[in-house]
């Protein structure tokens, strides 16, 4: 099952003229009869907006195919984003893309302070003013 299938040109039009996450949600509901949580919708918004920027590369033909949320039969697995097309020899090609939003790794503030060894004009080499606020 494919939740959303389009050409690069149509995807960019859906992204530019509508909220792409709402387009995908509509297709998802039509295809599955189910709803998704707000975190999934936010994930679509962030990752698909980013993919729209990537797809603006003019080296990628406007008629390149793409599919979103391609569910693999007899499995709970799915492919987030699939690009299809043909190379210069007209051989069929596909690129599977796993979409992940970047999650900044938290840095413990004490480790950061120790690494930066901040100084101040009041306390000299220590960082008491930064720690105590």
C-alpha atoms as a PDB file:
ATOM      1  CA  UNK A   1       0.000   0.000   0.000  1.00  0.00           C
ATOM      2  CA  UNK A   2       1.222   3.482  -0.874  1.00  0.00           C
ATOM      3  CA  UNK A   3      -0.224   6.375   1.086  1.00  0.00           C
ATOM      4  CA  UNK A   4       0.868   9.111  -1.337  1.00  0.00           C
ATOM      5  CA  UNK A   5       2.233   8.816  -4.867  1.00  0.00           C
ATOM      6  CA  UNK A   6       3.077  11.708  -7.172  1.00  0.00           C
ATOM      7  CA  UNK A   7       5.694  13.179  -9.433  1.00  0.00           C
ATOM      8  CA  UNK A   8       8.330  15.537  -8.096  1.00  0.00           C
ATOM      9  CA  UNK A   9       6.417  18.383  -9.745  1.00  0.00           C
ATOM     10  CA  UNK A  10       3.115  17.448  -8.049  1.00  0.00           C
ATOM     11  CA  UNK A  11       4.776  16.948  -4.654  1.00  0.00           C
ATOM     12  CA  UNK A  12       6.366  20.403  -4.836  1.00  0.00           C
ATOM     13  CA  UNK A  13       3.020  21.901  -5.840  1.00  0.00           C
ATOM     14  CA  UNK A  14       1.316  20.176  -2.886  1.00  0.00           C
ATOM     15  CA  UNK A  15       4.093  21.398  -0.600  1.00  0.00           C
ATOM     16  CA  UNK A  16       3.966  24.979  -1.884  1.00  0.00           C
ATOM     17  CA  UNK A  17       0.186  25.395  -2.155  1.00  0.00           C
ATOM     18  CA  UNK A  18      -0.987  23.331   0.834  1.00  0.00           C
ATOM     19  CA  UNK A  19       0.347  22.140   4.140  1.00  0.00           C
ATOM     20  CA  UNK A  20       2.091  18.976   2.971  1.00  0.00           C
ATOM     21  CA  UNK A  21       1.434  17.221   6.270  1.00  0.00           C
ATOM     22  CA  UNK A  22      -2.307  17.812   5.804  1.00  0.00           C
ATOM     23  CA  UNK A  23      -2.142  16.420   2.259  1.00  0.00           C
ATOM     24  CA  UNK A  24      -0.377  13.287   3.535  1.00  0.00           C
ATOM     25  CA  UNK A  25      -2.818  12.955   6.448  1.00  0.00           C
ATOM     26  CA  UNK A  26      -5.761  13.112   4.037  1.00  0.00           C
ATOM     27  CA  UNK A  27      -4.174  10.423   1.847  1.00  0.00           C
ATOM     28  CA  UNK A  28      -3.306   8.337   4.909  1.00  0.00           C
ATOM     29  CA  UNK A  29      -6.892   8.412   6.173  1.00  0.00           C
ATOM     30  CA  UNK A  30      -8.213   7.541   2.709  1.00  0.00           C
ATOM     31  CA  UNK A  31      -5.779   4.624   2.344  1.00  0.00           C
ATOM     32  CA  UNK A  32      -6.027   3.158   5.855  1.00  0.00           C
ATOM     33  CA  UNK A  33      -9.236   4.456   7.378  1.00  0.00           C
ATOM     34  CA  UNK A  34      -7.166   5.386  10.419  1.00  0.00           C
ATOM     35  CA  UNK A  35      -5.855   8.554  11.993  1.00  0.00           C
ATOM     36  CA  UNK A  36      -2.340   9.310  13.253  1.00  0.00           C
ATOM     37  CA  UNK A  37      -1.052  11.133  16.291  1.00  0.00           C
ATOM     38  CA  UNK A  38       0.090  14.724  16.366  1.00  0.00           C
ATOM     39  CA  UNK A  39       3.748  13.675  16.679  1.00  0.00           C
ATOM     40  CA  UNK A  40       3.541  11.818  13.349  1.00  0.00           C
ATOM     41  CA  UNK A  41       1.965  14.868  11.708  1.00  0.00           C
ATOM     42  CA  UNK A  42       4.736  17.109  13.081  1.00  0.00           C
ATOM     43  CA  UNK A  43       7.289  14.610  11.802  1.00  0.00           C
ATOM     44  CA  UNK A  44       5.749  14.722   8.317  1.00  0.00           C
ATOM     45  CA  UNK A  45       5.738  18.513   8.410  1.00  0.00           C
ATOM     46  CA  UNK A  46       9.420  18.788   9.280  1.00  0.00           C
ATOM     47  CA  UNK A  47      10.835  15.996   7.158  1.00  0.00           C
ATOM     48  CA  UNK A  48       8.677  16.527   4.063  1.00  0.00           C
ATOM     49  CA  UNK A  49       9.276  20.267   4.055  1.00  0.00           C
ATOM     50  CA  UNK A  50      12.984  19.457   4.143  1.00  0.00           C
ATOM     51  CA  UNK A  51      12.594  16.925   1.312  1.00  0.00           C
ATOM     52  CA  UNK A  52      10.845  19.600  -0.767  1.00  0.00           C
ATOM     53  CA  UNK A  53      14.010  21.704  -0.461  1.00  0.00           C
ATOM     54  CA  UNK A  54      16.126  18.739  -1.575  1.00  0.00           C
ATOM     55  CA  UNK A  55      13.833  18.003  -4.526  1.00  0.00           C
ATOM     56  CA  UNK A  56      14.167  21.538  -5.885  1.00  0.00           C
ATOM     57  CA  UNK A  57      17.506  20.473  -7.367  1.00  0.00           C
ATOM     58  CA  UNK A  58      17.054  20.892 -11.109  1.00  0.00           C
ATOM     59  CA  UNK A  59      19.223  17.833 -11.740  1.00  0.00           C
ATOM     60  CA  UNK A  60      16.271  15.723 -10.624  1.00  0.00           C
ATOM     61  CA  UNK A  61      13.672  15.573 -13.425  1.00  0.00           C
ATOM     62  CA  UNK A  62      10.238  17.012 -12.671  1.00  0.00           C
ATOM     63  CA  UNK A  63       8.617  13.740 -13.755  1.00  0.00           C
ATOM     64  CA  UNK A  64      10.601  11.652 -11.242  1.00  0.00           C
ATOM     65  CA  UNK A  65       8.183   9.555  -9.231  1.00  0.00           C
ATOM     66  CA  UNK A  66       7.896   9.523  -5.487  1.00  0.00           C
ATOM     67  CA  UNK A  67       5.951   7.614  -2.898  1.00  0.00           C
ATOM     68  CA  UNK A  68       5.462   8.390   0.759  1.00  0.00           C
ATOM     69  CA  UNK A  69       4.615   5.848   3.461  1.00  0.00           C
ATOM     70  CA  UNK A  70       5.051   2.789   1.265  1.00  0.00           C
ATOM     71  CA  UNK A  71       3.929  -0.150   3.427  1.00  0.00           C
ATOM     72  CA  UNK A  72       5.772  -3.400   2.745  1.00  0.00           C
ATOM     73  CA  UNK A  73       3.315  -6.289   2.285  1.00  0.00           C
ATOM     74  CA  UNK A  74       3.126  -8.964   5.004  1.00  0.00           C
ATOM     75  CA  UNK A  75       5.168  -6.760   7.300  1.00  0.00           C
ATOM     76  CA  UNK A  76       4.751  -3.880   9.708  1.00  0.00           C
ATOM     77  CA  UNK A  77       7.688  -2.161   7.977  1.00  0.00           C
ATOM     78  CA  UNK A  78       7.350   0.833   5.720  1.00  0.00           C
ATOM     79  CA  UNK A  79       9.491   3.003   3.512  1.00  0.00           C
ATOM     80  CA  UNK A  80       9.218   6.683   4.406  1.00  0.00           C
ATOM     81  CA  UNK A  81      10.132   8.161   1.049  1.00  0.00           C
ATOM     82  CA  UNK A  82      10.830   6.531  -2.313  1.00  0.00           C
ATOM     83  CA  UNK A  83      12.164   8.266  -5.423  1.00  0.00           C
ATOM     84  CA  UNK A  84      11.911   6.529  -8.781  1.00  0.00           C
ATOM     85  CA  UNK A  85      13.064   7.296 -12.274  1.00  0.00           C
ATOM     86  CA  UNK A  86      15.404   6.255 -15.048  1.00  0.00           C
ATOM     87  CA  UNK A  87      19.092   6.875 -15.548  1.00  0.00           C
ATOM     88  CA  UNK A  88      20.755   8.122 -18.756  1.00  0.00           C
ATOM     89  CA  UNK A  89      20.517   4.576 -20.209  1.00  0.00           C
ATOM     90  CA  UNK A  90      16.787   4.397 -19.381  1.00  0.00           C
ATOM     91  CA  UNK A  91      17.401   1.750 -16.700  1.00  0.00           C
ATOM     92  CA  UNK A  92      14.895   1.906 -13.847  1.00  0.00           C
ATOM     93  CA  UNK A  93      16.296   3.307 -10.601  1.00  0.00           C
ATOM     94  CA  UNK A  94      14.889   3.766  -7.108  1.00  0.00           C
ATOM     95  CA  UNK A  95      16.188   5.505  -4.001  1.00  0.00           C
ATOM     96  CA  UNK A  96      14.760   4.568  -0.605  1.00  0.00           C
ATOM     97  CA  UNK A  97      14.975   7.296   2.021  1.00  0.00           C
ATOM     98  CA  UNK A  98      14.459   6.860   5.750  1.00  0.00           C
ATOM     99  CA  UNK A  99      13.367  10.206   7.153  1.00  0.00           C
ATOM    100  CA  UNK A 100      14.626  11.190  10.587  1.00  0.00           C
ATOM    101  CA  UNK A 101      14.383  14.557  12.193  1.00  0.00           C
ATOM    102  CA  UNK A 102      17.620  15.629  13.814  1.00  0.00           C
ATOM    103  CA  UNK A 103      17.503  15.367  17.566  1.00  0.00           C
ATOM    104  CA  UNK A 104      20.141  17.490  19.239  1.00  0.00           C
ATOM    105  CA  UNK A 105      22.149  15.523  21.732  1.00  0.00           C
ATOM    106  CA  UNK A 106      21.833  17.178  25.123  1.00  0.00           C
ATOM    107  CA  UNK A 107      25.078  18.289  26.678  1.00  0.00           C
ATOM    108  CA  UNK A 108      25.158  18.338  30.463  1.00  0.00           C
ATOM    109  CA  UNK A 109      25.735  21.951  31.431  1.00  0.00           C
ATOM    110  CA  UNK A 110      28.465  21.086  33.937  1.00  0.00           C
ATOM    111  CA  UNK A 111      30.421  19.238  31.224  1.00  0.00           C
ATOM    112  CA  UNK A 112      29.972  22.171  28.889  1.00  0.00           C
ATOM    113  CA  UNK A 113      31.155  24.623  31.538  1.00  0.00           C
ATOM    114  CA  UNK A 114      34.165  22.468  32.375  1.00  0.00           C
ATOM    115  CA  UNK A 115      35.116  22.196  28.707  1.00  0.00           C
ATOM    116  CA  UNK A 116      34.704  25.927  28.060  1.00  0.00           C
ATOM    117  CA  UNK A 117      36.432  26.972  31.299  1.00  0.00           C
ATOM    118  CA  UNK A 118      34.669  30.339  31.282  1.00  0.00           C
ATOM    119  CA  UNK A 119      36.222  33.221  33.114  1.00  0.00           C
ATOM    120  CA  UNK A 120      34.776  36.434  34.395  1.00  0.00           C
ATOM    121  CA  UNK A 121      36.168  39.719  35.621  1.00  0.00           C
ATOM    122  CA  UNK A 122      34.637  39.223  39.084  1.00  0.00           C
ATOM    123  CA  UNK A 123      35.703  35.668  39.869  1.00  0.00           C
ATOM    124  CA  UNK A 124      38.717  35.192  37.623  1.00  0.00           C
ATOM    125  CA  UNK A 125      39.173  31.605  36.508  1.00  0.00           C
ATOM    126  CA  UNK A 126      36.091  30.069  38.130  1.00  0.00           C
ATOM    127  CA  UNK A 127      32.597  29.958  36.769  1.00  0.00           C
ATOM    128  CA  UNK A 128      30.634  30.604  39.976  1.00  0.00           C
ATOM    129  CA  UNK A 129      28.659  33.461  38.487  1.00  0.00           C
ATOM    130  CA  UNK A 130      27.446  31.241  35.642  1.00  0.00           C
ATOM    131  CA  UNK A 131      26.519  28.369  37.990  1.00  0.00           C
ATOM    132  CA  UNK A 132      24.777  30.451  40.643  1.00  0.00           C
ATOM    133  CA  UNK A 133      22.914  32.566  38.113  1.00  0.00           C
END
